[in-house]
PDB file of N, CA and C in Angstrom:
ATOM      1  N   MET A   1      -3.587 -26.681  -9.243  1.00  0.00           N
ATOM      2  CA  MET A   1      -3.809 -25.433  -8.561  1.00  0.00           C
ATOM      3  C   MET A   1      -5.016 -25.611  -7.645  1.00  0.00           C
ATOM      4  N   ARG A   2      -4.890 -25.153  -6.410  1.00  0.00           N
ATOM      5  CA  ARG A   2      -5.992 -25.219  -5.457  1.00  0.00           C
ATOM      6  C   ARG A   2      -6.439 -23.803  -5.131  1.00  0.00           C
ATOM      7  N   ILE A   3      -7.730 -23.550  -5.276  1.00  0.00           N
ATOM      8  CA  ILE A   3      -8.264 -22.201  -5.068  1.00  0.00           C
ATOM      9  C   ILE A   3      -9.459 -22.268  -4.126  1.00  0.00           C
ATOM     10  N   LYS A   4      -9.486 -21.353  -3.162  1.00  0.00           N
ATOM     11  CA  LYS A   4     -10.644 -21.184  -2.282  1.00  0.00           C
ATOM     12  C   LYS A   4     -11.019 -19.710  -2.305  1.00  0.00           C
ATOM     13  N   ALA A   5     -12.292 -19.429  -2.476  1.00  0.00           N
ATOM     14  CA  ALA A   5     -12.781 -18.053  -2.477  1.00  0.00           C
ATOM     15  C   ALA A   5     -13.978 -17.979  -1.538  1.00  0.00           C
ATOM     16  N   LYS A   6     -13.927 -17.026  -0.600  1.00  0.00           N
ATOM     17  CA  LYS A   6     -14.982 -16.926   0.396  1.00  0.00           C
ATOM     18  C   LYS A   6     -15.372 -15.470   0.606  1.00  0.00           C
ATOM     19  N   LEU A   7     -16.667 -15.208   0.618  1.00  0.00           N
ATOM     20  CA  LEU A   7     -17.177 -13.868   0.840  1.00  0.00           C
ATOM     21  C   LEU A   7     -17.110 -13.553   2.335  1.00  0.00           C
ATOM     22  N   LYS A   8     -16.499 -12.418   2.681  1.00  0.00           N
ATOM     23  CA  LYS A   8     -16.383 -11.971   4.068  1.00  0.00           C
ATOM     24  C   LYS A   8     -16.827 -10.520   4.130  1.00  0.00           C
ATOM     25  N   GLY A   9     -18.081 -10.301   4.444  1.00  0.00           N
ATOM     26  CA  GLY A   9     -18.629  -8.947   4.448  1.00  0.00           C
ATOM     27  C   GLY A   9     -18.739  -8.440   3.023  1.00  0.00           C
ATOM     28  N   ASP A  10     -18.100  -7.296   2.744  1.00  0.00           N
ATOM     29  CA  ASP A  10     -18.122  -6.748   1.379  1.00  0.00           C
ATOM     30  C   ASP A  10     -16.882  -7.117   0.581  1.00  0.00           C
ATOM     31  N   LYS A  11     -16.002  -7.944   1.173  1.00  0.00           N
ATOM     32  CA  LYS A  11     -14.763  -8.359   0.498  1.00  0.00           C
ATOM     33  C   LYS A  11     -14.786  -9.857   0.227  1.00  0.00           C
ATOM     34  N   THR A  12     -14.061 -10.247  -0.797  1.00  0.00           N
ATOM     35  CA  THR A  12     -13.896 -11.664  -1.106  1.00  0.00           C
ATOM     36  C   THR A  12     -12.452 -12.036  -0.806  1.00  0.00           C
ATOM     37  N   GLU A  13     -12.270 -13.072   0.002  1.00  0.00           N
ATOM     38  CA  GLU A  13     -10.940 -13.567   0.342  1.00  0.00           C
ATOM     39  C   GLU A  13     -10.620 -14.725  -0.596  1.00  0.00           C
ATOM     40  N   VAL A  14      -9.462 -14.663  -1.231  1.00  0.00           N
ATOM     41  CA  VAL A  14      -9.051 -15.717  -2.155  1.00  0.00           C
ATOM     42  C   VAL A  14      -7.714 -16.294  -1.682  1.00  0.00           C
ATOM     43  N   LYS A  15      -7.666 -17.616  -1.603  1.00  0.00           N
ATOM     44  CA  LYS A  15      -6.431 -18.326  -1.264  1.00  0.00           C
ATOM     45  C   LYS A  15      -6.126 -19.246  -2.431  1.00  0.00           C
ATOM     46  N   VAL A  16      -4.884 -19.238  -2.874  1.00  0.00           N
ATOM     47  CA  VAL A  16      -4.511 -20.078  -4.015  1.00  0.00           C
ATOM     48  C   VAL A  16      -3.118 -20.680  -3.797  1.00  0.00           C
ATOM     49  N   MET A  17      -3.006 -21.980  -4.077  1.00  0.00           N
ATOM     50  CA  MET A  17      -1.711 -22.639  -4.051  1.00  0.00           C
ATOM     51  C   MET A  17      -1.444 -23.149  -5.467  1.00  0.00           C
ATOM     52  N   MET A  18      -0.335 -22.690  -6.035  1.00  0.00           N
ATOM     53  CA  MET A  18       0.018 -23.035  -7.409  1.00  0.00           C
ATOM     54  C   MET A  18       1.124 -24.084  -7.406  1.00  0.00           C
ATOM     55  N   LYS A  19       0.931 -25.169  -8.139  1.00  0.00           N
ATOM     56  CA  LYS A  19       1.971 -26.202  -8.227  1.00  0.00           C
ATOM     57  C   LYS A  19       2.982 -25.801  -9.288  1.00  0.00           C
ATOM     58  N   HIS A  20       4.214 -25.565  -8.837  1.00  0.00           N
ATOM     59  CA  HIS A  20       5.293 -25.187  -9.750  1.00  0.00           C
ATOM     60  C   HIS A  20       6.623 -25.394  -9.031  1.00  0.00           C
ATOM     61  N   PRO A  21       7.661 -25.904  -9.720  1.00  0.00           N
ATOM     62  CA  PRO A  21       8.952 -26.150  -9.069  1.00  0.00           C
ATOM     63  C   PRO A  21       9.708 -24.876  -8.667  1.00  0.00           C
ATOM     64  N   MET A  22       9.449 -23.768  -9.339  1.00  0.00           N
ATOM     65  CA  MET A  22      10.041 -22.470  -9.005  1.00  0.00           C
ATOM     66  C   MET A  22      11.571 -22.534  -8.879  1.00  0.00           C
ATOM     67  N   LEU A  23      12.250 -22.915  -9.949  1.00  0.00           N
ATOM     68  CA  LEU A  23      13.708 -22.988  -9.951  1.00  0.00           C
ATOM     69  C   LEU A  23      14.317 -21.617 -10.236  1.00  0.00           C
ATOM     70  N   SER A  24      14.971 -21.060  -9.232  1.00  0.00           N
ATOM     71  CA  SER A  24      15.646 -19.774  -9.420  1.00  0.00           C
ATOM     72  C   SER A  24      16.897 -20.009 -10.256  1.00  0.00           C
ATOM     73  N   TYR A  25      17.525 -18.931 -10.692  1.00  0.00           N
ATOM     74  CA  TYR A  25      18.744 -19.058 -11.500  1.00  0.00           C
ATOM     75  C   TYR A  25      19.820 -19.804 -10.715  1.00  0.00           C
ATOM     76  N   ARG A  26      19.928 -19.498  -9.447  1.00  0.00           N
ATOM     77  CA  ARG A  26      20.964 -20.114  -8.613  1.00  0.00           C
ATOM     78  C   ARG A  26      20.695 -21.615  -8.420  1.00  0.00           C
ATOM     79  N   GLU A  27      19.457 -21.967  -8.063  1.00  0.00           N
ATOM     80  CA  GLU A  27      19.109 -23.380  -7.871  1.00  0.00           C
ATOM     81  C   GLU A  27      19.243 -24.171  -9.167  1.00  0.00           C
ATOM     82  N   ALA A  28      18.827 -23.564 -10.269  1.00  0.00           N
ATOM     83  CA  ALA A  28      18.907 -24.228 -11.572  1.00  0.00           C
ATOM     84  C   ALA A  28      20.355 -24.521 -11.945  1.00  0.00           C
ATOM     85  N   LYS A  29      21.231 -23.579 -11.663  1.00  0.00           N
ATOM     86  CA  LYS A  29      22.648 -23.770 -11.974  1.00  0.00           C
ATOM     87  C   LYS A  29      23.222 -24.940 -11.163  1.00  0.00           C
ATOM     88  N   LYS A  30      22.848 -25.022  -9.890  1.00  0.00           N
ATOM     89  CA  LYS A  30      23.315 -26.111  -9.024  1.00  0.00           C
ATOM     90  C   LYS A  30      22.832 -27.473  -9.525  1.00  0.00           C
ATOM     91  N   LYS A  31      21.585 -27.516 -10.005  1.00  0.00           N
ATOM     92  CA  LYS A  31      20.984 -28.772 -10.459  1.00  0.00           C
ATOM     93  C   LYS A  31      21.261 -29.074 -11.927  1.00  0.00           C
ATOM     94  N   GLY A  32      21.905 -28.142 -12.625  1.00  0.00           N
ATOM     95  CA  GLY A  32      22.205 -28.337 -14.036  1.00  0.00           C
ATOM     96  C   GLY A  32      20.964 -28.268 -14.913  1.00  0.00           C
ATOM     97  N   LYS A  33      19.987 -27.481 -14.483  1.00  0.00           N
ATOM     98  CA  LYS A  33      18.739 -27.327 -15.236  1.00  0.00           C
ATOM     99  C   LYS A  33      18.554 -25.876 -15.656  1.00  0.00           C
ATOM    100  N   GLU A  34      17.465 -25.630 -16.381  1.00  0.00           N
ATOM    101  CA  GLU A  34      17.115 -24.278 -16.810  1.00  0.00           C
ATOM    102  C   GLU A  34      16.262 -23.612 -15.744  1.00  0.00           C
ATOM    103  N   ALA A  35      16.518 -22.331 -15.481  1.00  0.00           N
ATOM    104  CA  ALA A  35      15.704 -21.583 -14.521  1.00  0.00           C
ATOM    105  C   ALA A  35      14.274 -21.482 -15.046  1.00  0.00           C
ATOM    106  N   ASN A  36      13.328 -21.581 -14.135  1.00  0.00           N
ATOM    107  CA  ASN A  36      11.921 -21.452 -14.506  1.00  0.00           C
ATOM    108  C   ASN A  36      11.110 -21.156 -13.251  1.00  0.00           C
ATOM    109  N   PHE A  37      10.400 -20.053 -13.263  1.00  0.00           N
ATOM    110  CA  PHE A  37       9.581 -19.665 -12.126  1.00  0.00           C
ATOM    111  C   PHE A  37       8.406 -18.831 -12.629  1.00  0.00           C
ATOM    112  N   ILE A  38       7.383 -18.720 -11.810  1.00  0.00           N
ATOM    113  CA  ILE A  38       6.192 -17.953 -12.172  1.00  0.00           C
ATOM    114  C   ILE A  38       6.552 -16.470 -12.200  1.00  0.00           C
ATOM    115  N   VAL A  39       6.170 -15.795 -13.284  1.00  0.00           N
ATOM    116  CA  VAL A  39       6.503 -14.377 -13.426  1.00  0.00           C
ATOM    117  C   VAL A  39       5.281 -13.458 -13.420  1.00  0.00           C
ATOM    118  N   TYR A  40       4.086 -14.027 -13.557  1.00  0.00           N
ATOM    119  CA  TYR A  40       2.898 -13.186 -13.652  1.00  0.00           C
ATOM    120  C   TYR A  40       1.662 -13.961 -13.194  1.00  0.00           C
ATOM    121  N   VAL A  41       0.863 -13.335 -12.349  1.00  0.00           N
ATOM    122  CA  VAL A  41      -0.366 -13.954 -11.851  1.00  0.00           C
ATOM    123  C   VAL A  41      -1.510 -12.957 -12.016  1.00  0.00           C
ATOM    124  N   THR A  42      -2.638 -13.446 -12.515  1.00  0.00           N
ATOM    125  CA  THR A  42      -3.826 -12.615 -12.701  1.00  0.00           C
ATOM    126  C   THR A  42      -5.033 -13.326 -12.108  1.00  0.00           C
ATOM    127  N   ALA A  43      -5.908 -12.552 -11.468  1.00  0.00           N
ATOM    128  CA  ALA A  43      -7.171 -13.091 -10.966  1.00  0.00           C
ATOM    129  C   ALA A  43      -8.310 -12.270 -11.541  1.00  0.00           C
ATOM    130  N   LYS A  44      -9.358 -12.973 -11.971  1.00  0.00           N
ATOM    131  CA  LYS A  44     -10.532 -12.304 -12.531  1.00  0.00           C
ATOM    132  C   LYS A  44     -11.784 -12.774 -11.803  1.00  0.00           C
ATOM    133  N   ASN A  45     -12.720 -11.856 -11.665  1.00  0.00           N
ATOM    134  CA  ASN A  45     -14.034 -12.163 -11.118  1.00  0.00           C
ATOM    135  C   ASN A  45     -15.055 -11.743 -12.157  1.00  0.00           C
ATOM    136  N   GLU A  46     -15.754 -12.711 -12.706  1.00  0.00           N
ATOM    137  CA  GLU A  46     -16.754 -12.457 -13.749  1.00  0.00           C
ATOM    138  C   GLU A  46     -16.165 -11.631 -14.901  1.00  0.00           C
ATOM    139  N   GLY A  47     -14.930 -11.951 -15.303  1.00  0.00           N
ATOM    140  CA  GLY A  47     -14.288 -11.306 -16.448  1.00  0.00           C
ATOM    141  C   GLY A  47     -13.500 -10.053 -16.133  1.00  0.00           C
ATOM    142  N   ALA A  48     -13.688  -9.474 -14.942  1.00  0.00           N
ATOM    143  CA  ALA A  48     -12.969  -8.246 -14.569  1.00  0.00           C
ATOM    144  C   ALA A  48     -11.728  -8.601 -13.749  1.00  0.00           C
ATOM    145  N   VAL A  49     -10.587  -7.987 -14.078  1.00  0.00           N
ATOM    146  CA  VAL A  49      -9.347  -8.241 -13.348  1.00  0.00           C
ATOM    147  C   VAL A  49      -9.463  -7.625 -11.950  1.00  0.00           C
ATOM    148  N   VAL A  50      -9.258  -8.462 -10.921  1.00  0.00           N
ATOM    149  CA  VAL A  50      -9.351  -7.992  -9.536  1.00  0.00           C
ATOM    150  C   VAL A  50      -8.013  -8.074  -8.805  1.00  0.00           C
ATOM    151  N   TYR A  51      -7.047  -8.778  -9.398  1.00  0.00           N
ATOM    152  CA  TYR A  51      -5.721  -8.921  -8.788  1.00  0.00           C
ATOM    153  C   TYR A  51      -4.733  -9.222  -9.902  1.00  0.00           C
ATOM    154  N   GLU A  52      -3.600  -8.540  -9.848  1.00  0.00           N
ATOM    155  CA  GLU A  52      -2.584  -8.706 -10.884  1.00  0.00           C
ATOM    156  C   GLU A  52      -1.230  -8.461 -10.235  1.00  0.00           C
ATOM    157  N   VAL A  53      -0.289  -9.373 -10.450  1.00  0.00           N
ATOM    158  CA  VAL A  53       1.025  -9.214  -9.823  1.00  0.00           C
ATOM    159  C   VAL A  53       2.110  -9.812 -10.719  1.00  0.00           C
ATOM    160  N   SER A  54       3.236  -9.100 -10.793  1.00  0.00           N
ATOM    161  CA  SER A  54       4.439  -9.620 -11.444  1.00  0.00           C
ATOM    162  C   SER A  54       5.304 -10.175 -10.333  1.00  0.00           C
ATOM    163  N   THR A  55       5.772 -11.397 -10.500  1.00  0.00           N
ATOM    164  CA  THR A  55       6.578 -12.025  -9.457  1.00  0.00           C
ATOM    165  C   THR A  55       7.982 -12.298  -9.976  1.00  0.00           C
ATOM    166  N   SER A  56       8.802 -12.885  -9.121  1.00  0.00           N
ATOM    167  CA  SER A  56      10.180 -13.164  -9.485  1.00  0.00           C
ATOM    168  C   SER A  56      10.578 -14.497  -8.876  1.00  0.00           C
ATOM    169  N   GLN A  57      11.847 -14.769  -8.889  1.00  0.00           N
ATOM    170  CA  GLN A  57      12.359 -16.037  -8.391  1.00  0.00           C
ATOM    171  C   GLN A  57      12.355 -16.132  -6.866  1.00  0.00           C
ATOM    172  N   PHE A  58      11.883 -15.103  -6.176  1.00  0.00           N
ATOM    173  CA  PHE A  58      11.886 -15.102  -4.716  1.00  0.00           C
ATOM    174  C   PHE A  58      10.821 -16.022  -4.114  1.00  0.00           C
ATOM    175  N   LEU A  59       9.821 -16.436  -4.885  1.00  0.00           N
ATOM    176  CA  LEU A  59       8.764 -17.303  -4.361  1.00  0.00           C
ATOM    177  C   LEU A  59       9.265 -18.734  -4.194  1.00  0.00           C
ATOM    178  N   SER A  60       8.727 -19.416  -3.182  1.00  0.00           N
ATOM    179  CA  SER A  60       9.144 -20.798  -2.928  1.00  0.00           C
ATOM    180  C   SER A  60       8.428 -21.776  -3.862  1.00  0.00           C
ATOM    181  N   LYS A  61       8.843 -23.019  -3.810  1.00  0.00           N
ATOM    182  CA  LYS A  61       8.208 -24.081  -4.591  1.00  0.00           C
ATOM    183  C   LYS A  61       6.732 -24.158  -4.202  1.00  0.00           C
ATOM    184  N   ASN A  62       5.861 -24.397  -5.176  1.00  0.00           N
ATOM    185  CA  ASN A  62       4.414 -24.451  -4.957  1.00  0.00           C
ATOM    186  C   ASN A  62       3.921 -23.233  -4.165  1.00  0.00           C
ATOM    187  N   PRO A  63       4.072 -22.039  -4.729  1.00  0.00           N
ATOM    188  CA  PRO A  63       3.746 -20.820  -3.979  1.00  0.00           C
ATOM    189  C   PRO A  63       2.276 -20.708  -3.573  1.00  0.00           C
ATOM    190  N   TYR A  64       2.072 -20.075  -2.417  1.00  0.00           N
ATOM    191  CA  TYR A  64       0.747 -19.845  -1.849  1.00  0.00           C
ATOM    192  C   TYR A  64       0.525 -18.333  -1.798  1.00  0.00           C
ATOM    193  N   MET A  65      -0.631 -17.886  -2.254  1.00  0.00           N
ATOM    194  CA  MET A  65      -0.973 -16.466  -2.204  1.00  0.00           C
ATOM    195  C   MET A  65      -2.348 -16.301  -1.583  1.00  0.00           C
ATOM    196  N   LYS A  66      -2.507 -15.201  -0.894  1.00  0.00           N
ATOM    197  CA  LYS A  66      -3.797 -14.854  -0.309  1.00  0.00           C
ATOM    198  C   LYS A  66      -4.027 -13.378  -0.586  1.00  0.00           C
ATOM    199  N   PHE A  67      -5.217 -13.041  -1.076  1.00  0.00           N
ATOM    200  CA  PHE A  67      -5.533 -11.647  -1.342  1.00  0.00           C
ATOM    201  C   PHE A  67      -7.030 -11.428  -1.202  1.00  0.00           C
ATOM    202  N   TYR A  68      -7.407 -10.170  -1.135  1.00  0.00           N
ATOM    203  CA  TYR A  68      -8.811  -9.776  -1.006  1.00  0.00           C
ATOM    204  C   TYR A  68      -9.167  -8.834  -2.141  1.00  0.00           C
ATOM    205  N   PHE A  69     -10.430  -8.822  -2.509  1.00  0.00           N
ATOM    206  CA  PHE A  69     -10.916  -7.801  -3.426  1.00  0.00           C
ATOM    207  C   PHE A  69     -12.338  -7.438  -3.031  1.00  0.00           C
ATOM    208  N   LYS A  70     -12.695  -6.187  -3.294  1.00  0.00           N
ATOM    209  CA  LYS A  70     -14.053  -5.734  -2.993  1.00  0.00           C
ATOM    210  C   LYS A  70     -15.002  -6.229  -4.068  1.00  0.00           C
ATOM    211  N   GLY A  71     -16.174  -6.629  -3.627  1.00  0.00           N
ATOM    212  CA  GLY A  71     -17.161  -7.127  -4.579  1.00  0.00           C
ATOM    213  C   GLY A  71     -17.183  -8.633  -4.595  1.00  0.00           C
ATOM    214  N   GLY A  72     -17.777  -9.153  -5.597  1.00  0.00           N
ATOM    215  CA  GLY A  72     -17.948 -10.599  -5.697  1.00  0.00           C
ATOM    216  C   GLY A  72     -19.188 -11.013  -4.938  1.00  0.00           C
ATOM    217  N   LYS A  73     -19.854 -12.005  -5.443  1.00  0.00           N
ATOM    218  CA  LYS A  73     -21.073 -12.517  -4.817  1.00  0.00           C
ATOM    219  C   LYS A  73     -20.992 -14.027  -4.752  1.00  0.00           C
ATOM    220  N   LYS A  74     -21.700 -14.595  -3.800  1.00  0.00           N
ATOM    221  CA  LYS A  74     -21.726 -16.055  -3.677  1.00  0.00           C
ATOM    222  C   LYS A  74     -22.188 -16.666  -4.991  1.00  0.00           C
ATOM    223  N   GLY A  75     -21.479 -17.693  -5.409  1.00  0.00           N
ATOM    224  CA  GLY A  75     -21.826 -18.391  -6.647  1.00  0.00           C
ATOM    225  C   GLY A  75     -21.078 -17.882  -7.870  1.00  0.00           C
ATOM    226  N   GLU A  76     -20.527 -16.659  -7.789  1.00  0.00           N
ATOM    227  CA  GLU A  76     -19.725 -16.148  -8.917  1.00  0.00           C
ATOM    228  C   GLU A  76     -18.396 -16.883  -8.965  1.00  0.00           C
ATOM    229  N   GLU A  77     -17.729 -16.786 -10.108  1.00  0.00           N
ATOM    230  CA  GLU A  77     -16.489 -17.520 -10.317  1.00  0.00           C
ATOM    231  C   GLU A  77     -15.262 -16.611 -10.240  1.00  0.00           C
ATOM    232  N   VAL A  78     -14.220 -17.137  -9.606  1.00  0.00           N
ATOM    233  CA  VAL A  78     -12.914 -16.487  -9.579  1.00  0.00           C
ATOM    234  C   VAL A  78     -11.986 -17.343 -10.433  1.00  0.00           C
ATOM    235  N   GLU A  79     -11.265 -16.709 -11.356  1.00  0.00           N
ATOM    236  CA  GLU A  79     -10.364 -17.417 -12.264  1.00  0.00           C
ATOM    237  C   GLU A  79      -8.942 -16.916 -12.042  1.00  0.00           C
ATOM    238  N   ILE A  80      -8.019 -17.833 -11.764  1.00  0.00           N
ATOM    239  CA  ILE A  80      -6.613 -17.495 -11.527  1.00  0.00           C
ATOM    240  C   ILE A  80      -5.786 -18.054 -12.687  1.00  0.00           C
ATOM    241  N   THR A  81      -4.898 -17.221 -13.228  1.00  0.00           N
ATOM    242  CA  THR A  81      -3.997 -17.651 -14.298  1.00  0.00           C
ATOM    243  C   THR A  81      -2.576 -17.236 -13.940  1.00  0.00           C
ATOM    244  N   TRP A  82      -1.635 -18.164 -14.091  1.00  0.00           N
ATOM    245  CA  TRP A  82      -0.226 -17.804 -13.942  1.00  0.00           C
ATOM    246  C   TRP A  82       0.537 -18.133 -15.213  1.00  0.00           C
ATOM    247  N   VAL A  83       1.649 -17.406 -15.410  1.00  0.00           N
ATOM    248  CA  VAL A  83       2.533 -17.610 -16.561  1.00  0.00           C
ATOM    249  C   VAL A  83       3.949 -17.729 -16.009  1.00  0.00           C
ATOM    250  N   ASP A  84       4.703 -18.724 -16.500  1.00  0.00           N
ATOM    251  CA  ASP A  84       6.075 -18.864 -16.013  1.00  0.00           C
ATOM    252  C   ASP A  84       7.094 -18.322 -17.021  1.00  0.00           C
ATOM    253  N   LEU A  85       8.356 -18.402 -16.654  1.00  0.00           N
ATOM    254  CA  LEU A  85       9.459 -17.838 -17.442  1.00  0.00           C
ATOM    255  C   LEU A  85       9.539 -18.431 -18.846  1.00  0.00           C
ATOM    256  N   LYS A  86       9.127 -19.683 -18.993  1.00  0.00           N
ATOM    257  CA  LYS A  86       9.170 -20.340 -20.302  1.00  0.00           C
ATOM    258  C   LYS A  86       7.923 -20.081 -21.142  1.00  0.00           C
ATOM    259  N   GLY A  87       6.972 -19.325 -20.587  1.00  0.00           N
ATOM    260  CA  GLY A  87       5.755 -19.007 -21.328  1.00  0.00           C
ATOM    261  C   GLY A  87       4.600 -19.962 -21.085  1.00  0.00           C
ATOM    262  N   LYS A  88       4.813 -20.999 -20.288  1.00  0.00           N
ATOM    263  CA  LYS A  88       3.742 -21.937 -19.962  1.00  0.00           C
ATOM    264  C   LYS A  88       2.754 -21.240 -19.016  1.00  0.00           C
ATOM    265  N   SER A  89       1.481 -21.532 -19.212  1.00  0.00           N
ATOM    266  CA  SER A  89       0.491 -20.938 -18.308  1.00  0.00           C
ATOM    267  C   SER A  89      -0.499 -21.984 -17.832  1.00  0.00           C
ATOM    268  N   LYS A  90      -1.144 -21.674 -16.731  1.00  0.00           N
ATOM    269  CA  LYS A  90      -2.159 -22.575 -16.172  1.00  0.00           C
ATOM    270  C   LYS A  90      -3.278 -21.723 -15.600  1.00  0.00           C
ATOM    271  N   THR A  91      -4.505 -22.191 -15.767  1.00  0.00           N
ATOM    272  CA  THR A  91      -5.669 -21.472 -15.287  1.00  0.00           C
ATOM    273  C   THR A  91      -6.515 -22.396 -14.416  1.00  0.00           C
ATOM    274  N   GLY A  92      -7.013 -21.837 -13.324  1.00  0.00           N
ATOM    275  CA  GLY A  92      -7.898 -22.583 -12.430  1.00  0.00           C
ATOM    276  C   GLY A  92      -9.079 -21.708 -12.047  1.00  0.00           C
ATOM    277  N   LYS A  93     -10.193 -22.345 -11.691  1.00  0.00           N
ATOM    278  CA  LYS A  93     -11.407 -21.604 -11.331  1.00  0.00           C
ATOM    279  C   LYS A  93     -12.005 -22.152 -10.048  1.00  0.00           C
ATOM    280  N   ALA A  94     -12.687 -21.261  -9.310  1.00  0.00           N
ATOM    281  CA  ALA A  94     -13.409 -21.658  -8.103  1.00  0.00           C
ATOM    282  C   ALA A  94     -14.611 -20.735  -7.931  1.00  0.00           C
ATOM    283  N   LYS A  95     -15.665 -21.275  -7.335  1.00  0.00           N
ATOM    284  CA  LYS A  95     -16.852 -20.463  -7.059  1.00  0.00           C
ATOM    285  C   LYS A  95     -16.707 -19.826  -5.681  1.00  0.00           C
ATOM    286  N   ILE A  96     -17.223 -18.620  -5.540  1.00  0.00           N
ATOM    287  CA  ILE A  96     -17.196 -17.915  -4.270  1.00  0.00           C
ATOM    288  C   ILE A  96     -18.258 -18.546  -3.358  1.00  0.00           C
ATOM    289  N   LYS A  97     -17.855 -18.854  -2.145  1.00  0.00           N
ATOM    290  CA  LYS A  97     -18.776 -19.461  -1.161  1.00  0.00           C
ATOM    291  C   LYS A  97     -19.148 -18.452  -0.111  1.00  0.00           C
TER     292      LYS A  97
END
């Protein structure tokens, strides 16, 4: 997972690219595999949830997200966690610049 967080005025801009194959039901059936895609993404700043989204199979392979939140200070940490259809999760962290 690649994460960049940058303070822009009173908002923090976060860019994240998550490594995941994102196999939709249709693609999985064609490949003879099990469907598996990211279903939930959460972002926290110093322990407080600042971004939360439920996703579906519509995202492409290795999805990229960009979002903003108010607050955050240089040097604080942003933590991104995703969970996929099989229950696997991954967490990444980055400092705000």
